[in-house]
Amino acid sequence: MPIDTPPFTLFCQHCSWKKTFLPRSDVLVLNHDWFTHCPTCNTPLPHRRAATPKEVLKTRLEQFLALHG
């Protein structure tokens, strides 16, 4: 049974890249739900923090518009 994982944001301190993830389960797929290197500048280990409500809303809206746009 999947365990609900809270939304989180990965960010790079070197190039300011960031991405918010809304995982559907506790299984995280590399380069889809998780990154070991920044996809922009290739810096290892982007930092992880809990997503803010604003970031969650923005990500959900982007996902909705991608499906219905």
N, C-alpha and C. Protein backbone atom coordinates (compact mmCIF):
# COMPACT_ATOMS: atom_id res chain seq x y z
N MET A 1 0.85 -1.17 0.00
CA MET A 1 0.00 0.00 0.00
C MET A 1 0.89 1.24 0.00
N PRO A 2 0.65 2.19 -0.91
CA PRO A 2 1.51 3.37 -0.98
C PRO A 2 1.35 4.27 0.25
N ILE A 3 2.44 4.86 0.63
CA ILE A 3 2.44 5.82 1.73
C ILE A 3 2.47 7.20 1.11
N ASP A 4 1.56 8.04 1.53
CA ASP A 4 1.47 9.39 0.98
C ASP A 4 2.70 10.20 1.39
N THR A 5 3.46 10.65 0.41
CA THR A 5 4.66 11.45 0.65
C THR A 5 4.29 12.92 0.52
N PRO A 6 4.69 13.76 1.47
CA PRO A 6 4.34 15.18 1.36
C PRO A 6 5.05 15.86 0.19
N PRO A 7 4.44 16.89 -0.37
CA PRO A 7 5.08 17.61 -1.47
C PRO A 7 6.41 18.21 -1.03
N PHE A 8 7.36 18.24 -1.95
CA PHE A 8 8.67 18.81 -1.62
C PHE A 8 9.21 19.55 -2.83
N THR A 9 10.17 20.41 -2.55
CA THR A 9 10.82 21.20 -3.59
C THR A 9 12.31 20.91 -3.57
N LEU A 10 12.86 20.60 -4.73
CA LEU A 10 14.30 20.49 -4.89
C LEU A 10 14.80 21.80 -5.47
N PHE A 11 15.93 22.28 -4.98
CA PHE A 11 16.47 23.53 -5.51
C PHE A 11 17.99 23.49 -5.51
N CYS A 12 18.56 24.24 -6.44
CA CYS A 12 20.01 24.34 -6.59
C CYS A 12 20.45 25.73 -6.11
N GLN A 13 21.42 25.75 -5.22
CA GLN A 13 21.91 27.04 -4.71
C GLN A 13 22.83 27.74 -5.70
N HIS A 14 23.35 27.01 -6.67
CA HIS A 14 24.30 27.60 -7.61
C HIS A 14 23.62 28.33 -8.77
N CYS A 15 22.56 27.74 -9.33
CA CYS A 15 21.93 28.36 -10.51
C CYS A 15 20.48 28.79 -10.27
N SER A 16 19.96 28.59 -9.06
CA SER A 16 18.59 28.98 -8.68
C SER A 16 17.51 28.14 -9.34
N TRP A 17 17.85 26.97 -9.91
CA TRP A 17 16.85 26.06 -10.45
C TRP A 17 16.03 25.51 -9.29
N LYS A 18 14.74 25.33 -9.50
CA LYS A 18 13.92 24.66 -8.49
C LYS A 18 12.74 23.99 -9.16
N LYS A 19 12.28 22.93 -8.53
CA LYS A 19 11.12 22.20 -9.03
C LYS A 19 10.38 21.59 -7.85
N THR A 20 9.06 21.72 -7.88
CA THR A 20 8.22 21.17 -6.83
C THR A 20 7.63 19.85 -7.30
N PHE A 21 7.63 18.87 -6.42
CA PHE A 21 7.14 17.53 -6.73
C PHE A 21 5.96 17.20 -5.84
N LEU A 22 4.95 16.57 -6.44
CA LEU A 22 3.77 16.11 -5.72
C LEU A 22 3.69 14.59 -5.89
N PRO A 23 4.52 13.85 -5.16
CA PRO A 23 4.57 12.40 -5.37
C PRO A 23 3.24 11.73 -5.01
N ARG A 24 2.89 10.73 -5.80
CA ARG A 24 1.65 9.98 -5.56
C ARG A 24 1.86 8.81 -4.62
N SER A 25 3.10 8.42 -4.40
CA SER A 25 3.40 7.32 -3.48
C SER A 25 4.80 7.52 -2.92
N ASP A 26 5.25 6.54 -2.16
CA ASP A 26 6.58 6.63 -1.57
C ASP A 26 7.67 6.15 -2.52
N VAL A 27 7.30 5.71 -3.71
CA VAL A 27 8.28 5.27 -4.72
C VAL A 27 8.67 6.49 -5.56
N LEU A 28 9.95 6.87 -5.51
CA LEU A 28 10.43 8.02 -6.26
C LEU A 28 11.31 7.52 -7.40
N VAL A 29 10.99 7.93 -8.62
CA VAL A 29 11.72 7.51 -9.81
C VAL A 29 12.81 8.54 -10.11
N LEU A 30 14.04 8.05 -10.27
CA LEU A 30 15.17 8.92 -10.54
C LEU A 30 14.96 9.68 -11.85
N ASN A 31 15.26 10.96 -11.85
CA ASN A 31 15.11 11.88 -12.97
C ASN A 31 13.66 12.14 -13.37
N HIS A 32 12.73 11.70 -12.56
CA HIS A 32 11.32 12.02 -12.76
C HIS A 32 10.75 12.63 -11.48
N ASP A 33 10.94 11.94 -10.36
CA ASP A 33 10.49 12.42 -9.05
C ASP A 33 11.65 12.85 -8.17
N TRP A 34 12.85 12.66 -8.65
CA TRP A 34 14.02 12.92 -7.82
C TRP A 34 15.22 13.13 -8.73
N PHE A 35 16.12 14.02 -8.36
CA PHE A 35 17.33 14.28 -9.13
C PHE A 35 18.54 14.16 -8.22
N THR A 36 19.60 13.53 -8.71
CA THR A 36 20.85 13.47 -7.95
C THR A 36 21.79 14.60 -8.35
N HIS A 37 21.51 15.23 -9.49
CA HIS A 37 22.27 16.38 -9.98
C HIS A 37 21.29 17.42 -10.50
N CYS A 38 21.66 18.66 -10.41
CA CYS A 38 20.83 19.73 -10.96
C CYS A 38 20.75 19.55 -12.48
N PRO A 39 19.55 19.52 -13.07
CA PRO A 39 19.44 19.33 -14.51
C PRO A 39 19.92 20.54 -15.32
N THR A 40 20.09 21.68 -14.70
CA THR A 40 20.54 22.88 -15.41
C THR A 40 22.05 23.02 -15.40
N CYS A 41 22.67 22.93 -14.21
CA CYS A 41 24.11 23.18 -14.12
C CYS A 41 24.92 21.95 -13.71
N ASN A 42 24.24 20.82 -13.50
CA ASN A 42 24.87 19.54 -13.18
C ASN A 42 25.60 19.52 -11.82
N THR A 43 25.23 20.41 -10.92
CA THR A 43 25.78 20.41 -9.57
C THR A 43 25.20 19.22 -8.81
N PRO A 44 26.03 18.45 -8.10
CA PRO A 44 25.51 17.28 -7.39
C PRO A 44 24.63 17.66 -6.20
N LEU A 45 23.69 16.80 -5.94
CA LEU A 45 22.82 16.86 -4.77
C LEU A 45 22.08 18.19 -4.57
N PRO A 46 21.03 18.43 -5.35
CA PRO A 46 20.19 19.60 -5.08
C PRO A 46 19.59 19.49 -3.67
N HIS A 47 19.32 20.60 -3.06
CA HIS A 47 18.76 20.61 -1.71
C HIS A 47 17.26 20.35 -1.76
N ARG A 48 16.75 19.75 -0.68
CA ARG A 48 15.34 19.40 -0.60
C ARG A 48 14.73 20.11 0.60
N ARG A 49 13.50 20.60 0.41
CA ARG A 49 12.75 21.20 1.51
C ARG A 49 11.27 20.94 1.28
N ALA A 50 10.48 21.12 2.32
CA ALA A 50 9.03 20.98 2.18
C ALA A 50 8.50 22.07 1.26
N ALA A 51 7.57 21.72 0.40
CA ALA A 51 7.00 22.69 -0.53
C ALA A 51 6.04 23.62 0.21
N THR A 52 6.05 24.87 -0.18
CA THR A 52 5.12 25.84 0.40
C THR A 52 3.75 25.65 -0.25
N PRO A 53 2.68 26.10 0.40
CA PRO A 53 1.35 26.00 -0.22
C PRO A 53 1.29 26.69 -1.59
N LYS A 54 1.99 27.79 -1.74
CA LYS A 54 2.01 28.50 -3.03
C LYS A 54 2.66 27.65 -4.12
N GLU A 55 3.76 26.96 -3.79
CA GLU A 55 4.44 26.10 -4.76
C GLU A 55 3.57 24.90 -5.13
N VAL A 56 2.85 24.36 -4.16
CA VAL A 56 1.95 23.23 -4.43
C VAL A 56 0.83 23.66 -5.37
N LEU A 57 0.23 24.80 -5.10
CA LEU A 57 -0.85 25.31 -5.95
C LEU A 57 -0.34 25.57 -7.37
N LYS A 58 0.83 26.19 -7.49
CA LYS A 58 1.40 26.47 -8.81
C LYS A 58 1.65 25.18 -9.59
N THR A 59 2.20 24.17 -8.93
CA THR A 59 2.49 22.90 -9.60
C THR A 59 1.21 22.19 -10.02
N ARG A 60 0.20 22.20 -9.15
CA ARG A 60 -1.08 21.57 -9.51
C ARG A 60 -1.74 22.29 -10.69
N LEU A 61 -1.65 23.60 -10.70
CA LEU A 61 -2.22 24.37 -11.81
C LEU A 61 -1.47 24.07 -13.11
N GLU A 62 -0.15 23.99 -13.05
CA GLU A 62 0.64 23.65 -14.24
C GLU A 62 0.28 22.26 -14.76
N GLN A 63 0.10 21.29 -13.85
CA GLN A 63 -0.27 19.94 -14.27
C GLN A 63 -1.66 19.93 -14.90
N PHE A 64 -2.60 20.66 -14.32
CA PHE A 64 -3.95 20.74 -14.86
C PHE A 64 -3.95 21.35 -16.25
N LEU A 65 -3.23 22.46 -16.42
CA LEU A 65 -3.19 23.12 -17.72
C LEU A 65 -2.47 22.28 -18.77
N ALA A 66 -1.50 21.50 -18.36
CA ALA A 66 -0.81 20.62 -19.31
C ALA A 66 -1.76 19.53 -19.82
N LEU A 67 -2.67 19.08 -18.97
CA LEU A 67 -3.62 18.04 -19.37
C LEU A 67 -4.77 18.61 -20.21
N HIS A 68 -5.20 19.83 -19.88
CA HIS A 68 -6.38 20.40 -20.51
C HIS A 68 -6.09 21.59 -21.42
N GLY A 69 -4.82 21.89 -21.64
CA GLY A 69 -4.47 23.07 -22.43
C GLY A 69 -4.27 22.72 -23.84
